Amino acid sequence: MKLATLCYLIDKYENKTLMIHRIKKENDYHEGKWNGLGGKFEAGESPEECAIREVREESGFTMIKPRMHGFITFPKFDGVDDWYVFVFTSDNFEGEMIDSSEGNLSWIPNNQVTTLNLWDGDKIFLEWLYQDKFFSAKFNYKDGKYLNHEVFFY
């Protein structure tokens, strides 16, 4: 079982979202995909602490104020482990963007994010970030291919 976070930094004035193109890290299961910022929990971290740390490590931005939108279960996503992911956005952050060791960072217009090479399930749940509802979902993949999902909104 893996606990992780995903955080999407949103520039509300320019209507853009910071995305990372995962092309730098060796043996990266996400290689070639675009993704939000995030990663696995460290011992003792809360979901918010993990999101803040991961955003700082991957982008250089500090002082973020994450807002949780939902929770996603990915059974055997990598073929081995079940992943449990807390999903956040933040439109309140400070700092200078760095050259990330995980991939290339780019500000993408919000209306173009789902046209990127994303995981198929991401194209579905990214739309939920703009709704005023909390979600709990399960996305099923097999061998890297999206099968189906189920969701509850609160």
N, C-alpha and C. Protein backbone atom coordinates (compact mmCIF):
# COMPACT_ATOMS: atom_id res chain seq x y z
N MET A 1 0.84 -1.18 0.00
CA MET A 1 0.00 0.00 0.00
C MET A 1 0.88 1.24 0.00
N LYS A 2 0.56 2.18 -0.86
CA LYS A 2 1.30 3.45 -0.96
C LYS A 2 0.34 4.60 -0.71
N LEU A 3 0.75 5.53 0.15
CA LEU A 3 0.02 6.77 0.37
C LEU A 3 0.74 7.88 -0.35
N ALA A 4 -0.02 8.71 -1.06
CA ALA A 4 0.61 9.77 -1.85
C ALA A 4 -0.32 10.97 -1.97
N THR A 5 0.24 12.05 -2.50
CA THR A 5 -0.53 13.26 -2.78
C THR A 5 -0.32 13.68 -4.22
N LEU A 6 -1.28 14.42 -4.73
CA LEU A 6 -1.17 15.13 -6.00
C LEU A 6 -1.63 16.55 -5.72
N CYS A 7 -0.87 17.53 -6.18
CA CYS A 7 -1.26 18.92 -5.97
C CYS A 7 -1.09 19.68 -7.28
N TYR A 8 -2.13 20.39 -7.66
CA TYR A 8 -2.13 21.18 -8.88
C TYR A 8 -2.09 22.65 -8.49
N LEU A 9 -0.98 23.33 -8.83
CA LEU A 9 -0.87 24.76 -8.57
C LEU A 9 -1.59 25.50 -9.70
N ILE A 10 -2.48 26.40 -9.32
CA ILE A 10 -3.30 27.10 -10.31
C ILE A 10 -3.04 28.59 -10.20
N ASP A 11 -2.66 29.17 -11.32
CA ASP A 11 -2.51 30.62 -11.43
C ASP A 11 -3.88 31.16 -11.84
N LYS A 12 -4.62 31.66 -10.85
CA LYS A 12 -6.00 32.08 -11.12
C LYS A 12 -6.08 33.35 -11.96
N TYR A 13 -5.00 34.12 -12.03
CA TYR A 13 -5.00 35.35 -12.83
C TYR A 13 -4.74 35.06 -14.31
N GLU A 14 -3.87 34.07 -14.56
CA GLU A 14 -3.53 33.70 -15.94
C GLU A 14 -4.34 32.50 -16.44
N ASN A 15 -5.16 31.88 -15.53
CA ASN A 15 -5.93 30.68 -15.86
C ASN A 15 -5.03 29.57 -16.39
N LYS A 16 -3.96 29.29 -15.63
CA LYS A 16 -3.02 28.24 -16.00
C LYS A 16 -2.76 27.33 -14.81
N THR A 17 -2.37 26.10 -15.11
CA THR A 17 -2.04 25.11 -14.09
C THR A 17 -0.61 24.64 -14.32
N LEU A 18 0.15 24.52 -13.23
CA LEU A 18 1.52 24.04 -13.32
C LEU A 18 1.51 22.52 -13.45
N MET A 19 2.09 22.03 -14.53
CA MET A 19 2.16 20.59 -14.78
C MET A 19 3.62 20.20 -14.95
N ILE A 20 3.91 18.94 -14.66
CA ILE A 20 5.26 18.42 -14.84
C ILE A 20 5.23 17.32 -15.89
N HIS A 21 6.11 17.43 -16.87
CA HIS A 21 6.27 16.41 -17.92
C HIS A 21 7.35 15.46 -17.43
N ARG A 22 6.96 14.25 -17.07
CA ARG A 22 7.85 13.30 -16.39
C ARG A 22 8.79 12.63 -17.40
N ILE A 23 9.95 13.28 -17.62
CA ILE A 23 10.90 12.75 -18.62
C ILE A 23 12.33 12.67 -18.11
N LYS A 24 12.56 12.98 -16.82
CA LYS A 24 13.94 13.04 -16.34
C LYS A 24 14.33 11.91 -15.40
N LYS A 25 13.41 11.36 -14.69
CA LYS A 25 13.70 10.38 -13.64
C LYS A 25 13.83 8.98 -14.24
N GLU A 26 14.89 8.27 -13.85
CA GLU A 26 15.09 6.91 -14.35
C GLU A 26 14.06 5.96 -13.75
N ASN A 27 13.64 4.98 -14.54
CA ASN A 27 12.69 3.95 -14.11
C ASN A 27 11.42 4.56 -13.53
N ASP A 28 10.93 5.61 -14.15
CA ASP A 28 9.73 6.31 -13.70
C ASP A 28 8.51 5.66 -14.33
N TYR A 29 7.61 5.14 -13.50
CA TYR A 29 6.39 4.51 -13.99
C TYR A 29 5.55 5.51 -14.80
N HIS A 30 5.71 6.79 -14.49
CA HIS A 30 4.95 7.85 -15.17
C HIS A 30 5.71 8.44 -16.36
N GLU A 31 6.79 7.82 -16.78
CA GLU A 31 7.63 8.39 -17.83
C GLU A 31 6.83 8.78 -19.07
N GLY A 32 7.04 10.02 -19.51
CA GLY A 32 6.38 10.53 -20.70
C GLY A 32 5.02 11.16 -20.43
N LYS A 33 4.47 10.95 -19.24
CA LYS A 33 3.17 11.51 -18.89
C LYS A 33 3.33 12.90 -18.29
N TRP A 34 2.28 13.69 -18.37
CA TRP A 34 2.16 14.96 -17.67
C TRP A 34 1.38 14.69 -16.40
N ASN A 35 1.76 15.38 -15.33
CA ASN A 35 1.12 15.11 -14.06
C ASN A 35 1.14 16.37 -13.21
N GLY A 36 0.37 16.33 -12.13
CA GLY A 36 0.49 17.34 -11.09
C GLY A 36 1.73 17.04 -10.26
N LEU A 37 1.96 17.85 -9.27
CA LEU A 37 3.11 17.65 -8.39
C LEU A 37 2.70 16.77 -7.23
N GLY A 38 3.62 15.96 -6.76
CA GLY A 38 3.28 15.13 -5.61
C GLY A 38 4.14 13.91 -5.51
N GLY A 39 3.79 13.09 -4.54
CA GLY A 39 4.55 11.87 -4.33
C GLY A 39 4.16 11.21 -3.03
N LYS A 40 4.99 10.27 -2.62
CA LYS A 40 4.71 9.43 -1.46
C LYS A 40 4.94 10.16 -0.14
N PHE A 41 4.14 9.77 0.83
CA PHE A 41 4.26 10.27 2.19
C PHE A 41 5.60 9.86 2.80
N GLU A 42 6.15 10.71 3.64
CA GLU A 42 7.24 10.34 4.52
C GLU A 42 6.64 10.04 5.89
N ALA A 43 7.37 9.31 6.72
CA ALA A 43 6.86 8.89 8.03
C ALA A 43 6.35 10.08 8.83
N GLY A 44 5.14 9.92 9.36
CA GLY A 44 4.56 10.92 10.24
C GLY A 44 3.92 12.12 9.58
N GLU A 45 3.95 12.20 8.25
CA GLU A 45 3.38 13.35 7.56
C GLU A 45 1.86 13.27 7.46
N SER A 46 1.23 14.42 7.53
CA SER A 46 -0.19 14.54 7.19
C SER A 46 -0.28 14.69 5.67
N PRO A 47 -1.47 14.52 5.11
CA PRO A 47 -1.60 14.75 3.66
C PRO A 47 -1.15 16.15 3.25
N GLU A 48 -1.51 17.16 4.04
CA GLU A 48 -1.13 18.53 3.71
C GLU A 48 0.38 18.72 3.78
N GLU A 49 1.02 18.17 4.79
CA GLU A 49 2.49 18.28 4.91
C GLU A 49 3.18 17.61 3.74
N CYS A 50 2.67 16.46 3.32
CA CYS A 50 3.24 15.76 2.17
C CYS A 50 3.10 16.61 0.91
N ALA A 51 1.90 17.16 0.68
CA ALA A 51 1.68 17.98 -0.52
C ALA A 51 2.60 19.19 -0.52
N ILE A 52 2.74 19.87 0.61
CA ILE A 52 3.59 21.05 0.70
C ILE A 52 5.05 20.69 0.43
N ARG A 53 5.53 19.60 1.03
CA ARG A 53 6.91 19.18 0.83
C ARG A 53 7.17 18.78 -0.61
N GLU A 54 6.27 18.00 -1.19
CA GLU A 54 6.45 17.54 -2.56
C GLU A 54 6.44 18.71 -3.55
N VAL A 55 5.54 19.67 -3.35
CA VAL A 55 5.52 20.85 -4.23
C VAL A 55 6.83 21.61 -4.11
N ARG A 56 7.32 21.79 -2.89
CA ARG A 56 8.59 22.50 -2.68
C ARG A 56 9.75 21.76 -3.37
N GLU A 57 9.82 20.44 -3.18
CA GLU A 57 10.91 19.65 -3.76
C GLU A 57 10.86 19.63 -5.29
N GLU A 58 9.66 19.54 -5.87
CA GLU A 58 9.54 19.38 -7.31
C GLU A 58 9.48 20.70 -8.08
N SER A 59 9.07 21.79 -7.40
CA SER A 59 8.89 23.05 -8.12
C SER A 59 9.68 24.22 -7.56
N GLY A 60 10.05 24.16 -6.29
CA GLY A 60 10.70 25.29 -5.64
C GLY A 60 9.73 26.23 -4.97
N PHE A 61 8.43 26.09 -5.24
CA PHE A 61 7.46 26.98 -4.61
C PHE A 61 7.28 26.63 -3.14
N THR A 62 7.20 27.66 -2.33
CA THR A 62 7.07 27.49 -0.89
C THR A 62 5.80 28.18 -0.42
N MET A 63 5.51 28.01 0.82
CA MET A 63 4.38 28.70 1.44
C MET A 63 3.07 28.42 0.71
N ILE A 64 2.87 27.21 0.23
CA ILE A 64 1.61 26.94 -0.45
C ILE A 64 0.53 26.67 0.59
N LYS A 65 -0.69 26.97 0.22
CA LYS A 65 -1.86 26.67 1.05
C LYS A 65 -2.73 25.70 0.26
N PRO A 66 -2.53 24.39 0.50
CA PRO A 66 -3.28 23.40 -0.28
C PRO A 66 -4.74 23.31 0.15
N ARG A 67 -5.59 23.01 -0.82
CA ARG A 67 -7.02 22.77 -0.57
C ARG A 67 -7.33 21.37 -1.08
N MET A 68 -7.79 20.50 -0.18
CA MET A 68 -8.10 19.13 -0.56
C MET A 68 -9.45 19.07 -1.28
N HIS A 69 -9.44 18.37 -2.41
CA HIS A 69 -10.66 18.21 -3.20
C HIS A 69 -11.19 16.78 -3.17
N GLY A 70 -10.30 15.83 -2.90
CA GLY A 70 -10.78 14.47 -2.93
C GLY A 70 -9.70 13.45 -2.63
N PHE A 71 -10.13 12.21 -2.75
CA PHE A 71 -9.30 11.06 -2.42
C PHE A 71 -9.54 10.02 -3.51
N ILE A 72 -8.45 9.44 -4.02
CA ILE A 72 -8.58 8.43 -5.08
C ILE A 72 -7.83 7.17 -4.69
N THR A 73 -8.48 6.05 -4.90
CA THR A 73 -7.87 4.74 -4.74
C THR A 73 -7.52 4.21 -6.12
N PHE A 74 -6.27 3.75 -6.28
CA PHE A 74 -5.81 3.13 -7.52
C PHE A 74 -5.35 1.71 -7.19
N PRO A 75 -6.25 0.71 -7.26
CA PRO A 75 -5.85 -0.66 -6.94
C PRO A 75 -4.77 -1.17 -7.90
N LYS A 76 -3.70 -1.66 -7.34
CA LYS A 76 -2.60 -2.27 -8.10
C LYS A 76 -2.20 -1.41 -9.30
N PHE A 77 -2.16 -0.08 -9.11
CA PHE A 77 -1.90 0.85 -10.20
C PHE A 77 -0.61 0.53 -10.95
N ASP A 78 0.44 0.25 -10.20
CA ASP A 78 1.73 -0.06 -10.82
C ASP A 78 1.92 -1.56 -11.03
N GLY A 79 0.82 -2.32 -10.89
CA GLY A 79 0.89 -3.76 -11.04
C GLY A 79 1.26 -4.48 -9.76
N VAL A 80 1.62 -3.71 -8.74
CA VAL A 80 2.05 -4.30 -7.48
C VAL A 80 1.25 -3.77 -6.29
N ASP A 81 1.29 -2.45 -6.11
CA ASP A 81 0.72 -1.83 -4.92
C ASP A 81 -0.58 -1.11 -5.19
N ASP A 82 -1.43 -1.08 -4.16
CA ASP A 82 -2.58 -0.19 -4.17
C ASP A 82 -2.07 1.19 -3.78
N TRP A 83 -2.49 2.20 -4.52
CA TRP A 83 -2.12 3.59 -4.23
C TRP A 83 -3.35 4.33 -3.73
N TYR A 84 -3.17 5.10 -2.66
CA TYR A 84 -4.21 5.93 -2.08
C TYR A 84 -3.72 7.37 -2.15
N VAL A 85 -4.41 8.20 -2.92
CA VAL A 85 -3.90 9.52 -3.27
C VAL A 85 -4.87 10.61 -2.83
N PHE A 86 -4.35 11.56 -2.05
CA PHE A 86 -5.08 12.76 -1.64
C PHE A 86 -4.84 13.82 -2.71
N VAL A 87 -5.91 14.43 -3.24
CA VAL A 87 -5.79 15.36 -4.36
C VAL A 87 -6.08 16.79 -3.89
N PHE A 88 -5.13 17.68 -4.19
CA PHE A 88 -5.19 19.07 -3.76
C PHE A 88 -5.03 20.01 -4.94
N THR A 89 -5.46 21.26 -4.72
CA THR A 89 -5.05 22.38 -5.57
C THR A 89 -4.52 23.46 -4.63
N SER A 90 -3.82 24.41 -5.20
CA SER A 90 -3.43 25.61 -4.46
C SER A 90 -3.33 26.76 -5.44
N ASP A 91 -3.98 27.86 -5.11
CA ASP A 91 -3.84 29.08 -5.90
C ASP A 91 -3.13 30.15 -5.06
N ASN A 92 -2.52 29.69 -3.97
CA ASN A 92 -1.83 30.58 -3.05
C ASN A 92 -0.46 29.97 -2.75
N PHE A 93 0.58 30.51 -3.39
CA PHE A 93 1.93 29.96 -3.22
C PHE A 93 2.94 31.06 -3.51
N GLU A 94 4.14 30.87 -3.00
CA GLU A 94 5.22 31.84 -3.18
C GLU A 94 6.50 31.10 -3.51
N GLY A 95 7.47 31.84 -4.02
CA GLY A 95 8.78 31.27 -4.28
C GLY A 95 9.16 31.38 -5.73
N GLU A 96 10.33 30.84 -6.04
CA GLU A 96 10.87 30.85 -7.40
C GLU A 96 10.89 29.42 -7.94
N MET A 97 10.40 29.25 -9.14
CA MET A 97 10.36 27.93 -9.76
C MET A 97 11.78 27.47 -10.07
N ILE A 98 12.04 26.19 -9.80
CA ILE A 98 13.35 25.59 -10.03
C ILE A 98 13.31 24.70 -11.28
N ASP A 99 14.48 24.19 -11.64
CA ASP A 99 14.59 23.17 -12.68
C ASP A 99 14.42 21.83 -11.97
N SER A 100 13.26 21.21 -12.10
CA SER A 100 12.94 20.00 -11.37
C SER A 100 13.74 18.80 -11.86
N SER A 101 14.16 17.97 -10.93
CA SER A 101 14.88 16.74 -11.28
C SER A 101 13.94 15.65 -11.78
N GLU A 102 12.62 15.85 -11.64
CA GLU A 102 11.64 14.82 -12.02
C GLU A 102 11.11 15.01 -13.43
N GLY A 103 11.18 16.24 -13.95
CA GLY A 103 10.64 16.50 -15.28
C GLY A 103 10.66 17.99 -15.57
N ASN A 104 10.09 18.34 -16.72
CA ASN A 104 10.01 19.74 -17.13
C ASN A 104 8.70 20.34 -16.65
N LEU A 105 8.81 21.47 -15.94
CA LEU A 105 7.64 22.18 -15.44
C LEU A 105 7.15 23.17 -16.48
N SER A 106 5.82 23.23 -16.66
CA SER A 106 5.23 24.19 -17.60
C SER A 106 3.89 24.66 -17.07
N TRP A 107 3.62 25.95 -17.27
CA TRP A 107 2.29 26.50 -16.98
C TRP A 107 1.43 26.27 -18.21
N ILE A 108 0.38 25.48 -18.04
CA ILE A 108 -0.50 25.09 -19.14
C ILE A 108 -1.84 25.79 -18.99
N PRO A 109 -2.36 26.43 -20.06
CA PRO A 109 -3.70 27.01 -19.96
C PRO A 109 -4.71 25.95 -19.48
N ASN A 110 -5.57 26.34 -18.54
CA ASN A 110 -6.50 25.38 -17.95
C ASN A 110 -7.33 24.64 -18.98
N ASN A 111 -7.72 25.31 -20.05
CA ASN A 111 -8.55 24.65 -21.06
C ASN A 111 -7.75 23.71 -21.97
N GLN A 112 -6.43 23.61 -21.76
CA GLN A 112 -5.61 22.71 -22.57
C GLN A 112 -5.00 21.55 -21.76
N VAL A 113 -5.18 21.57 -20.44
CA VAL A 113 -4.55 20.55 -19.59
C VAL A 113 -4.95 19.14 -20.02
N THR A 114 -6.24 18.92 -20.28
CA THR A 114 -6.68 17.56 -20.61
C THR A 114 -6.31 17.13 -22.03
N THR A 115 -5.67 18.01 -22.80
CA THR A 115 -5.19 17.61 -24.12
C THR A 115 -3.77 17.04 -24.06
N LEU A 116 -3.14 17.15 -22.88
CA LEU A 116 -1.77 16.64 -22.71
C LEU A 116 -1.78 15.11 -22.63
N ASN A 117 -0.59 14.52 -22.69
CA ASN A 117 -0.45 13.07 -22.53
C ASN A 117 -0.56 12.73 -21.04
N LEU A 118 -1.80 12.64 -20.56
CA LEU A 118 -2.11 12.33 -19.17
C LEU A 118 -2.52 10.86 -19.06
N TRP A 119 -2.52 10.35 -17.84
CA TRP A 119 -3.20 9.09 -17.60
C TRP A 119 -4.67 9.32 -17.94
N ASP A 120 -5.33 8.34 -18.53
CA ASP A 120 -6.72 8.51 -18.96
C ASP A 120 -7.63 8.89 -17.80
N GLY A 121 -7.42 8.32 -16.64
CA GLY A 121 -8.25 8.67 -15.48
C GLY A 121 -8.08 10.11 -15.05
N ASP A 122 -6.88 10.66 -15.23
CA ASP A 122 -6.64 12.07 -14.87
C ASP A 122 -7.54 12.99 -15.68
N LYS A 123 -7.78 12.65 -16.92
CA LYS A 123 -8.64 13.48 -17.77
C LYS A 123 -10.05 13.55 -17.21
N ILE A 124 -10.43 12.55 -16.44
CA ILE A 124 -11.76 12.52 -15.82
C ILE A 124 -11.76 13.32 -14.52
N PHE A 125 -10.83 13.01 -13.59
CA PHE A 125 -10.92 13.64 -12.28
C PHE A 125 -10.44 15.09 -12.26
N LEU A 126 -9.64 15.51 -13.23
CA LEU A 126 -9.22 16.92 -13.24
C LEU A 126 -10.41 17.86 -13.36
N GLU A 127 -11.44 17.45 -14.06
CA GLU A 127 -12.66 18.27 -14.18
C GLU A 127 -13.32 18.47 -12.82
N TRP A 128 -13.19 17.50 -11.93
CA TRP A 128 -13.82 17.57 -10.62
C TRP A 128 -13.19 18.63 -9.72
N LEU A 129 -11.96 19.05 -10.03
CA LEU A 129 -11.28 20.03 -9.20
C LEU A 129 -11.95 21.40 -9.28
N TYR A 130 -12.76 21.61 -10.30
CA TYR A 130 -13.43 22.89 -10.50
C TYR A 130 -14.87 22.87 -10.00
N GLN A 131 -15.28 21.76 -9.36
CA GLN A 131 -16.61 21.67 -8.79
C GLN A 131 -16.52 21.94 -7.30
N ASP A 132 -17.60 22.41 -6.74
CA ASP A 132 -17.62 22.71 -5.31
C ASP A 132 -18.13 21.49 -4.53
N LYS A 133 -17.46 20.35 -4.77
CA LYS A 133 -17.81 19.10 -4.12
C LYS A 133 -16.53 18.37 -3.76
N PHE A 134 -16.60 17.56 -2.70
CA PHE A 134 -15.50 16.68 -2.35
C PHE A 134 -15.79 15.33 -3.00
N PHE A 135 -14.74 14.65 -3.49
CA PHE A 135 -14.97 13.36 -4.14
C PHE A 135 -14.13 12.26 -3.51
N SER A 136 -14.66 11.06 -3.60
CA SER A 136 -13.94 9.84 -3.25
C SER A 136 -14.14 8.91 -4.43
N ALA A 137 -13.03 8.47 -5.03
CA ALA A 137 -13.14 7.70 -6.27
C ALA A 137 -12.19 6.51 -6.26
N LYS A 138 -12.49 5.59 -7.14
CA LYS A 138 -11.60 4.46 -7.39
C LYS A 138 -11.43 4.34 -8.90
N PHE A 139 -10.17 4.34 -9.33
CA PHE A 139 -9.84 4.20 -10.75
C PHE A 139 -9.10 2.88 -10.94
N ASN A 140 -9.62 2.06 -11.82
CA ASN A 140 -9.02 0.76 -12.09
C ASN A 140 -8.23 0.80 -13.40
N TYR A 141 -6.99 0.32 -13.31
CA TYR A 141 -6.10 0.20 -14.46
C TYR A 141 -5.57 -1.23 -14.49
N LYS A 142 -5.24 -1.68 -15.68
CA LYS A 142 -4.54 -2.97 -15.82
C LYS A 142 -3.46 -2.78 -16.87
N ASP A 143 -2.23 -3.10 -16.51
CA ASP A 143 -1.08 -2.95 -17.41
C ASP A 143 -0.99 -1.53 -17.98
N GLY A 144 -1.28 -0.54 -17.13
CA GLY A 144 -1.19 0.85 -17.54
C GLY A 144 -2.36 1.37 -18.36
N LYS A 145 -3.38 0.55 -18.54
CA LYS A 145 -4.55 0.94 -19.33
C LYS A 145 -5.75 1.17 -18.41
N TYR A 146 -6.42 2.30 -18.61
CA TYR A 146 -7.62 2.63 -17.84
C TYR A 146 -8.72 1.63 -18.15
N LEU A 147 -9.37 1.10 -17.11
CA LEU A 147 -10.50 0.19 -17.29
C LEU A 147 -11.82 0.89 -16.98
N ASN A 148 -11.94 1.44 -15.76
CA ASN A 148 -13.17 2.07 -15.34
C ASN A 148 -12.94 2.81 -14.02
N HIS A 149 -13.99 3.49 -13.58
CA HIS A 149 -13.91 4.17 -12.30
C HIS A 149 -15.29 4.26 -11.68
N GLU A 150 -15.29 4.55 -10.39
CA GLU A 150 -16.53 4.87 -9.69
C GLU A 150 -16.21 6.05 -8.77
N VAL A 151 -17.23 6.87 -8.50
CA VAL A 151 -17.01 8.07 -7.70
C VAL A 151 -18.24 8.38 -6.85
N PHE A 152 -17.96 8.94 -5.69
CA PHE A 152 -18.98 9.49 -4.81
C PHE A 152 -18.64 10.95 -4.58
N PHE A 153 -19.64 11.83 -4.70
CA PHE A 153 -19.46 13.25 -4.43
C PHE A 153 -20.16 13.60 -3.13
N TYR A 154 -19.54 14.50 -2.38
CA TYR A 154 -20.10 14.92 -1.10
C TYR A 154 -20.23 16.42 -1.04
